[in-house]
Amino acid sequence: MNVSQRQRLVREVMTEDPILASIDLPLGEAARLMDFYRITGLPVVDWTGALVGVISQTDLLHARATQEWWEKWPGLTVRHLMTQPALSVSQDAPLDDAVALLERHGVHRLVVVDADGAPVGVLSTSDLIRNIAEETEDA
């Protein structure tokens, strides 16, 4: 049985070693990280390294477009805008389950966690599109 004949796992498609944001990271720094690494969101962790949320380009754009938030921008940190709790999936979950979770919640990324709940990757729509392209190329 080859990979295309069996159910793929999240770990086979995810992007490993995610860039993480601390809850105390200033919003401008989060924007710079997303720009530098050309990513659209960051898993957010607390002081213990536990996953507590996600900050996305959409969250930053909303704050920039809202006068009340924009006026407070210099004092805001990731904790003020992040989406919480973060939607996460086990690295050992079937890929189809993760795709269904993305679709059901209308989001573009899931934080991939290990057995202890620590972030080990991100599964994004970009990862899934790349996977579709690879599978159809091999067909």
N, C-alpha and C. Protein backbone atom coordinates (compact mmCIF):
# COMPACT_ATOMS: atom_id res chain seq x y z
N MET A 1 0.85 -1.17 0.00
CA MET A 1 0.00 0.00 0.00
C MET A 1 0.90 1.24 0.00
N ASN A 2 0.74 2.13 -0.99
CA ASN A 2 1.54 3.35 -0.99
C ASN A 2 0.79 4.47 -0.28
N VAL A 3 1.46 5.63 -0.16
CA VAL A 3 0.91 6.74 0.62
C VAL A 3 -0.43 7.21 0.06
N SER A 4 -0.59 7.22 -1.27
CA SER A 4 -1.83 7.72 -1.85
C SER A 4 -3.00 6.76 -1.63
N GLN A 5 -2.73 5.50 -1.29
CA GLN A 5 -3.79 4.53 -1.08
C GLN A 5 -4.24 4.45 0.37
N ARG A 6 -3.48 4.99 1.29
CA ARG A 6 -3.86 4.96 2.69
C ARG A 6 -4.17 6.37 3.16
N GLN A 7 -4.84 6.45 4.27
CA GLN A 7 -5.18 7.75 4.86
C GLN A 7 -3.91 8.44 5.33
N ARG A 8 -3.67 9.62 4.83
CA ARG A 8 -2.50 10.39 5.24
C ARG A 8 -2.75 10.98 6.62
N LEU A 9 -1.67 11.21 7.34
CA LEU A 9 -1.74 11.81 8.66
C LEU A 9 -1.33 13.28 8.58
N VAL A 10 -1.79 14.06 9.54
CA VAL A 10 -1.47 15.48 9.58
C VAL A 10 0.03 15.69 9.55
N ARG A 11 0.80 14.88 10.28
CA ARG A 11 2.25 15.04 10.36
C ARG A 11 2.93 14.97 9.00
N GLU A 12 2.30 14.32 8.02
CA GLU A 12 2.90 14.16 6.71
C GLU A 12 2.73 15.39 5.82
N VAL A 13 1.84 16.29 6.20
CA VAL A 13 1.52 17.43 5.35
C VAL A 13 1.83 18.77 6.03
N MET A 14 1.84 18.79 7.35
CA MET A 14 2.02 20.04 8.11
C MET A 14 3.37 20.68 7.85
N THR A 15 3.46 21.95 8.19
CA THR A 15 4.73 22.65 8.24
C THR A 15 5.25 22.51 9.67
N GLU A 16 6.45 21.97 9.79
CA GLU A 16 7.02 21.72 11.12
C GLU A 16 7.67 22.97 11.70
N ASP A 17 7.97 22.90 12.99
CA ASP A 17 8.68 23.96 13.71
C ASP A 17 8.06 25.33 13.50
N PRO A 18 6.85 25.53 13.99
CA PRO A 18 6.17 26.81 13.75
C PRO A 18 6.87 27.98 14.45
N ILE A 19 6.76 29.14 13.86
CA ILE A 19 7.21 30.36 14.50
C ILE A 19 6.13 30.69 15.53
N LEU A 20 6.52 30.82 16.79
CA LEU A 20 5.57 31.05 17.88
C LEU A 20 5.62 32.50 18.34
N ALA A 21 4.50 32.98 18.84
CA ALA A 21 4.41 34.31 19.43
C ALA A 21 4.08 34.15 20.91
N SER A 22 4.76 34.92 21.73
CA SER A 22 4.44 34.99 23.16
C SER A 22 3.22 35.89 23.32
N ILE A 23 2.44 35.66 24.35
CA ILE A 23 1.26 36.50 24.58
C ILE A 23 1.63 37.95 24.82
N ASP A 24 2.86 38.23 25.22
CA ASP A 24 3.30 39.59 25.50
C ASP A 24 4.01 40.25 24.32
N LEU A 25 4.06 39.59 23.18
CA LEU A 25 4.71 40.15 21.99
C LEU A 25 3.91 41.35 21.49
N PRO A 26 4.57 42.50 21.29
CA PRO A 26 3.85 43.66 20.73
C PRO A 26 3.30 43.33 19.35
N LEU A 27 2.16 43.93 19.01
CA LEU A 27 1.51 43.65 17.73
C LEU A 27 2.41 43.96 16.54
N GLY A 28 3.18 45.04 16.64
CA GLY A 28 4.10 45.38 15.55
C GLY A 28 5.12 44.29 15.30
N GLU A 29 5.60 43.67 16.38
CA GLU A 29 6.56 42.56 16.24
C GLU A 29 5.90 41.35 15.60
N ALA A 30 4.66 41.08 15.96
CA ALA A 30 3.93 39.97 15.35
C ALA A 30 3.80 40.21 13.84
N ALA A 31 3.46 41.44 13.47
CA ALA A 31 3.34 41.79 12.05
C ALA A 31 4.68 41.60 11.34
N ARG A 32 5.77 42.02 11.98
CA ARG A 32 7.09 41.87 11.37
C ARG A 32 7.46 40.39 11.19
N LEU A 33 7.13 39.57 12.18
CA LEU A 33 7.40 38.12 12.04
C LEU A 33 6.63 37.53 10.87
N MET A 34 5.34 37.86 10.77
CA MET A 34 4.53 37.33 9.67
C MET A 34 5.08 37.79 8.33
N ASP A 35 5.49 39.05 8.25
CA ASP A 35 6.03 39.59 7.01
C ASP A 35 7.36 38.92 6.68
N PHE A 36 8.26 38.82 7.64
CA PHE A 36 9.60 38.26 7.40
C PHE A 36 9.52 36.80 6.94
N TYR A 37 8.68 36.01 7.63
CA TYR A 37 8.58 34.59 7.31
C TYR A 37 7.52 34.28 6.25
N ARG A 38 6.84 35.32 5.81
CA ARG A 38 5.79 35.18 4.78
C ARG A 38 4.74 34.14 5.20
N ILE A 39 4.24 34.35 6.43
CA ILE A 39 3.19 33.48 6.96
C ILE A 39 2.01 34.35 7.36
N THR A 40 0.85 33.73 7.51
CA THR A 40 -0.37 34.50 7.75
C THR A 40 -0.88 34.39 9.18
N GLY A 41 -0.20 33.63 10.02
CA GLY A 41 -0.65 33.51 11.40
C GLY A 41 0.43 32.88 12.26
N LEU A 42 0.30 33.11 13.56
CA LEU A 42 1.27 32.59 14.53
C LEU A 42 0.54 31.93 15.70
N PRO A 43 0.92 30.72 16.06
CA PRO A 43 0.41 30.16 17.30
C PRO A 43 0.92 31.01 18.46
N VAL A 44 0.09 31.20 19.47
CA VAL A 44 0.46 32.02 20.63
C VAL A 44 0.59 31.10 21.84
N VAL A 45 1.71 31.29 22.56
CA VAL A 45 1.96 30.48 23.75
C VAL A 45 2.12 31.39 24.97
N ASP A 46 1.81 30.83 26.13
CA ASP A 46 2.00 31.58 27.38
C ASP A 46 3.42 31.37 27.88
N TRP A 47 3.69 31.82 29.10
CA TRP A 47 5.04 31.76 29.66
C TRP A 47 5.54 30.34 29.85
N THR A 48 4.63 29.36 29.94
CA THR A 48 5.05 27.97 30.12
C THR A 48 5.21 27.24 28.80
N GLY A 49 4.89 27.91 27.69
CA GLY A 49 4.96 27.27 26.38
C GLY A 49 3.66 26.61 25.97
N ALA A 50 2.61 26.77 26.79
CA ALA A 50 1.32 26.17 26.47
C ALA A 50 0.61 26.99 25.40
N LEU A 51 -0.02 26.31 24.48
CA LEU A 51 -0.78 26.95 23.41
C LEU A 51 -2.02 27.63 23.98
N VAL A 52 -2.17 28.94 23.70
CA VAL A 52 -3.32 29.67 24.23
C VAL A 52 -4.15 30.37 23.16
N GLY A 53 -3.63 30.46 21.94
CA GLY A 53 -4.39 31.14 20.90
C GLY A 53 -3.62 31.21 19.60
N VAL A 54 -4.16 32.00 18.67
CA VAL A 54 -3.54 32.24 17.37
C VAL A 54 -3.75 33.71 17.04
N ILE A 55 -2.71 34.34 16.50
CA ILE A 55 -2.84 35.70 15.98
C ILE A 55 -2.64 35.62 14.47
N SER A 56 -3.55 36.23 13.73
CA SER A 56 -3.50 36.14 12.27
C SER A 56 -3.41 37.51 11.64
N GLN A 57 -3.09 37.52 10.35
CA GLN A 57 -3.11 38.77 9.60
C GLN A 57 -4.49 39.40 9.66
N THR A 58 -5.52 38.60 9.64
CA THR A 58 -6.88 39.11 9.71
C THR A 58 -7.12 39.83 11.03
N ASP A 59 -6.61 39.28 12.13
CA ASP A 59 -6.74 39.95 13.42
C ASP A 59 -6.04 41.31 13.40
N LEU A 60 -4.84 41.35 12.83
CA LEU A 60 -4.08 42.61 12.76
C LEU A 60 -4.77 43.62 11.85
N LEU A 61 -5.29 43.15 10.74
CA LEU A 61 -5.99 44.03 9.81
C LEU A 61 -7.24 44.62 10.46
N HIS A 62 -7.96 43.80 11.20
CA HIS A 62 -9.16 44.28 11.91
C HIS A 62 -8.79 45.39 12.89
N ALA A 63 -7.71 45.19 13.62
CA ALA A 63 -7.27 46.21 14.59
C ALA A 63 -6.85 47.48 13.87
N ARG A 64 -6.17 47.32 12.74
CA ARG A 64 -5.72 48.50 11.98
C ARG A 64 -6.90 49.28 11.42
N ALA A 65 -7.95 48.58 11.07
CA ALA A 65 -9.12 49.21 10.45
C ALA A 65 -10.11 49.77 11.47
N THR A 66 -9.92 49.44 12.75
CA THR A 66 -10.83 49.89 13.79
C THR A 66 -10.18 51.03 14.56
N GLN A 67 -10.72 52.21 14.45
CA GLN A 67 -10.12 53.41 15.04
C GLN A 67 -9.78 53.22 16.52
N GLU A 68 -10.69 52.65 17.27
CA GLU A 68 -10.45 52.46 18.70
C GLU A 68 -9.21 51.61 18.96
N TRP A 69 -9.07 50.51 18.20
CA TRP A 69 -7.90 49.64 18.36
C TRP A 69 -6.64 50.32 17.85
N TRP A 70 -6.75 51.01 16.71
CA TRP A 70 -5.58 51.64 16.11
C TRP A 70 -4.99 52.70 17.04
N GLU A 71 -5.84 53.44 17.74
CA GLU A 71 -5.37 54.46 18.67
C GLU A 71 -4.60 53.84 19.83
N LYS A 72 -4.93 52.61 20.19
CA LYS A 72 -4.26 51.92 21.30
C LYS A 72 -3.09 51.06 20.82
N TRP A 73 -2.86 50.97 19.51
CA TRP A 73 -1.90 50.05 18.90
C TRP A 73 -0.55 49.98 19.62
N PRO A 74 0.11 51.12 19.92
CA PRO A 74 1.44 51.03 20.53
C PRO A 74 1.48 50.26 21.84
N GLY A 75 0.41 50.21 22.59
CA GLY A 75 0.41 49.51 23.87
C GLY A 75 -0.16 48.10 23.81
N LEU A 76 -0.62 47.68 22.65
CA LEU A 76 -1.26 46.37 22.55
C LEU A 76 -0.26 45.26 22.30
N THR A 77 -0.58 44.10 22.85
CA THR A 77 0.22 42.90 22.61
C THR A 77 -0.68 41.84 21.99
N VAL A 78 -0.05 40.76 21.61
CA VAL A 78 -0.76 39.67 20.96
C VAL A 78 -1.97 39.21 21.78
N ARG A 79 -1.84 39.19 23.09
CA ARG A 79 -2.94 38.72 23.96
C ARG A 79 -4.23 39.50 23.73
N HIS A 80 -4.13 40.76 23.34
CA HIS A 80 -5.30 41.61 23.17
C HIS A 80 -6.12 41.27 21.93
N LEU A 81 -5.49 40.70 20.91
CA LEU A 81 -6.19 40.45 19.65
C LEU A 81 -6.29 38.99 19.25
N MET A 82 -5.54 38.13 19.89
CA MET A 82 -5.49 36.74 19.45
C MET A 82 -6.87 36.08 19.51
N THR A 83 -7.04 35.11 18.66
CA THR A 83 -8.23 34.27 18.69
C THR A 83 -7.94 33.15 19.69
N GLN A 84 -8.87 32.97 20.60
CA GLN A 84 -8.67 31.92 21.60
C GLN A 84 -9.97 31.19 21.87
N PRO A 85 -9.89 29.94 22.20
CA PRO A 85 -8.69 29.12 22.18
C PRO A 85 -8.27 28.83 20.74
N ALA A 86 -7.04 28.39 20.58
CA ALA A 86 -6.55 28.01 19.25
C ALA A 86 -7.20 26.70 18.85
N LEU A 87 -7.55 26.59 17.59
CA LEU A 87 -8.00 25.31 17.08
C LEU A 87 -6.76 24.47 16.83
N SER A 88 -6.74 23.29 17.39
CA SER A 88 -5.56 22.44 17.25
C SER A 88 -5.98 21.03 16.82
N VAL A 89 -4.98 20.31 16.35
CA VAL A 89 -5.18 18.95 15.89
C VAL A 89 -3.92 18.16 16.24
N SER A 90 -4.09 16.90 16.54
CA SER A 90 -2.96 16.02 16.83
C SER A 90 -2.17 15.76 15.55
N GLN A 91 -0.87 15.66 15.70
CA GLN A 91 -0.03 15.35 14.54
C GLN A 91 -0.33 13.94 14.00
N ASP A 92 -0.96 13.11 14.80
CA ASP A 92 -1.29 11.74 14.39
C ASP A 92 -2.73 11.60 13.89
N ALA A 93 -3.45 12.72 13.78
CA ALA A 93 -4.83 12.67 13.30
C ALA A 93 -4.86 12.42 11.79
N PRO A 94 -5.91 11.75 11.32
CA PRO A 94 -6.07 11.58 9.88
C PRO A 94 -6.24 12.96 9.21
N LEU A 95 -5.62 13.14 8.07
CA LEU A 95 -5.68 14.41 7.36
C LEU A 95 -7.12 14.80 7.04
N ASP A 96 -7.95 13.84 6.68
CA ASP A 96 -9.35 14.14 6.36
C ASP A 96 -10.08 14.76 7.55
N ASP A 97 -9.75 14.34 8.77
CA ASP A 97 -10.37 14.92 9.96
C ASP A 97 -9.96 16.38 10.12
N ALA A 98 -8.69 16.66 9.87
CA ALA A 98 -8.20 18.03 9.97
C ALA A 98 -8.84 18.92 8.91
N VAL A 99 -8.98 18.42 7.71
CA VAL A 99 -9.62 19.19 6.64
C VAL A 99 -11.07 19.50 7.02
N ALA A 100 -11.76 18.54 7.58
CA ALA A 100 -13.15 18.75 8.01
C ALA A 100 -13.21 19.82 9.10
N LEU A 101 -12.25 19.83 10.02
CA LEU A 101 -12.21 20.82 11.09
C LEU A 101 -11.97 22.23 10.52
N LEU A 102 -11.06 22.35 9.59
CA LEU A 102 -10.82 23.64 8.92
C LEU A 102 -12.09 24.14 8.25
N GLU A 103 -12.73 23.26 7.53
CA GLU A 103 -13.94 23.62 6.79
C GLU A 103 -15.08 24.00 7.74
N ARG A 104 -15.28 23.22 8.76
CA ARG A 104 -16.37 23.45 9.71
C ARG A 104 -16.24 24.80 10.42
N HIS A 105 -14.99 25.18 10.75
CA HIS A 105 -14.78 26.42 11.48
C HIS A 105 -14.44 27.61 10.59
N GLY A 106 -14.28 27.36 9.29
CA GLY A 106 -14.00 28.44 8.35
C GLY A 106 -12.68 29.15 8.64
N VAL A 107 -11.66 28.40 9.04
CA VAL A 107 -10.35 28.97 9.32
C VAL A 107 -9.33 28.48 8.31
N HIS A 108 -8.16 29.11 8.32
CA HIS A 108 -7.13 28.80 7.34
C HIS A 108 -5.95 28.02 7.91
N ARG A 109 -5.98 27.79 9.23
CA ARG A 109 -4.86 27.06 9.82
C ARG A 109 -5.29 26.38 11.11
N LEU A 110 -4.63 25.27 11.38
CA LEU A 110 -4.76 24.56 12.66
C LEU A 110 -3.37 24.44 13.25
N VAL A 111 -3.27 24.61 14.55
CA VAL A 111 -2.00 24.38 15.23
C VAL A 111 -1.90 22.88 15.47
N VAL A 112 -0.79 22.31 15.08
CA VAL A 112 -0.57 20.88 15.25
C VAL A 112 0.19 20.68 16.56
N VAL A 113 -0.35 19.78 17.40
CA VAL A 113 0.24 19.56 18.71
C VAL A 113 0.68 18.11 18.88
N ASP A 114 1.66 17.93 19.78
CA ASP A 114 2.10 16.58 20.11
C ASP A 114 1.22 16.02 21.22
N ALA A 115 1.58 14.86 21.74
CA ALA A 115 0.77 14.19 22.76
C ALA A 115 0.64 15.01 24.04
N ASP A 116 1.60 15.91 24.30
CA ASP A 116 1.56 16.75 25.49
C ASP A 116 0.85 18.08 25.24
N GLY A 117 0.37 18.29 24.03
CA GLY A 117 -0.32 19.54 23.70
C GLY A 117 0.60 20.67 23.29
N ALA A 118 1.89 20.38 23.12
CA ALA A 118 2.84 21.41 22.71
C ALA A 118 2.78 21.61 21.19
N PRO A 119 2.84 22.86 20.72
CA PRO A 119 2.81 23.11 19.28
C PRO A 119 4.06 22.56 18.59
N VAL A 120 3.84 21.76 17.56
CA VAL A 120 4.96 21.18 16.79
C VAL A 120 4.86 21.51 15.31
N GLY A 121 3.76 22.15 14.91
CA GLY A 121 3.59 22.48 13.51
C GLY A 121 2.32 23.27 13.28
N VAL A 122 2.10 23.60 12.03
CA VAL A 122 0.88 24.27 11.59
C VAL A 122 0.42 23.56 10.33
N LEU A 123 -0.86 23.31 10.25
CA LEU A 123 -1.47 22.79 9.04
C LEU A 123 -2.31 23.91 8.46
N SER A 124 -1.89 24.44 7.32
CA SER A 124 -2.59 25.57 6.72
C SER A 124 -3.21 25.16 5.39
N THR A 125 -4.07 26.03 4.91
CA THR A 125 -4.66 25.76 3.60
C THR A 125 -3.57 25.69 2.53
N SER A 126 -2.49 26.45 2.70
CA SER A 126 -1.37 26.38 1.75
C SER A 126 -0.75 24.99 1.75
N ASP A 127 -0.60 24.40 2.92
CA ASP A 127 -0.06 23.03 3.00
C ASP A 127 -0.98 22.05 2.27
N LEU A 128 -2.27 22.25 2.43
CA LEU A 128 -3.23 21.33 1.81
C LEU A 128 -3.25 21.50 0.29
N ILE A 129 -3.16 22.73 -0.19
CA ILE A 129 -3.12 22.95 -1.63
C ILE A 129 -1.85 22.33 -2.23
N ARG A 130 -0.72 22.50 -1.54
CA ARG A 130 0.54 21.89 -2.00
C ARG A 130 0.39 20.36 -2.04
N ASN A 131 -0.27 19.79 -1.03
CA ASN A 131 -0.48 18.35 -0.98
C ASN A 131 -1.37 17.89 -2.14
N ILE A 132 -2.43 18.64 -2.42
CA ILE A 132 -3.31 18.30 -3.55
C ILE A 132 -2.52 18.33 -4.85
N ALA A 133 -1.72 19.36 -5.02
CA ALA A 133 -0.91 19.48 -6.25
C ALA A 133 0.04 18.30 -6.40
N GLU A 134 0.69 17.90 -5.30
CA GLU A 134 1.62 16.77 -5.34
C GLU A 134 0.89 15.47 -5.66
N GLU A 135 -0.28 15.27 -5.02
CA GLU A 135 -1.03 14.04 -5.27
C GLU A 135 -1.53 13.95 -6.70
N THR A 136 -2.00 15.07 -7.26
CA THR A 136 -2.51 15.03 -8.63
C THR A 136 -1.38 14.95 -9.64
N GLU A 137 -0.19 15.43 -9.27
CA GLU A 137 0.97 15.33 -10.14
C GLU A 137 1.42 13.88 -10.25
N ASP A 138 1.32 13.15 -9.15
CA ASP A 138 1.74 11.75 -9.11
C ASP A 138 0.72 10.81 -9.72
N ALA A 139 -0.50 11.28 -9.91
CA ALA A 139 -1.58 10.41 -10.39
C ALA A 139 -1.45 10.10 -11.87
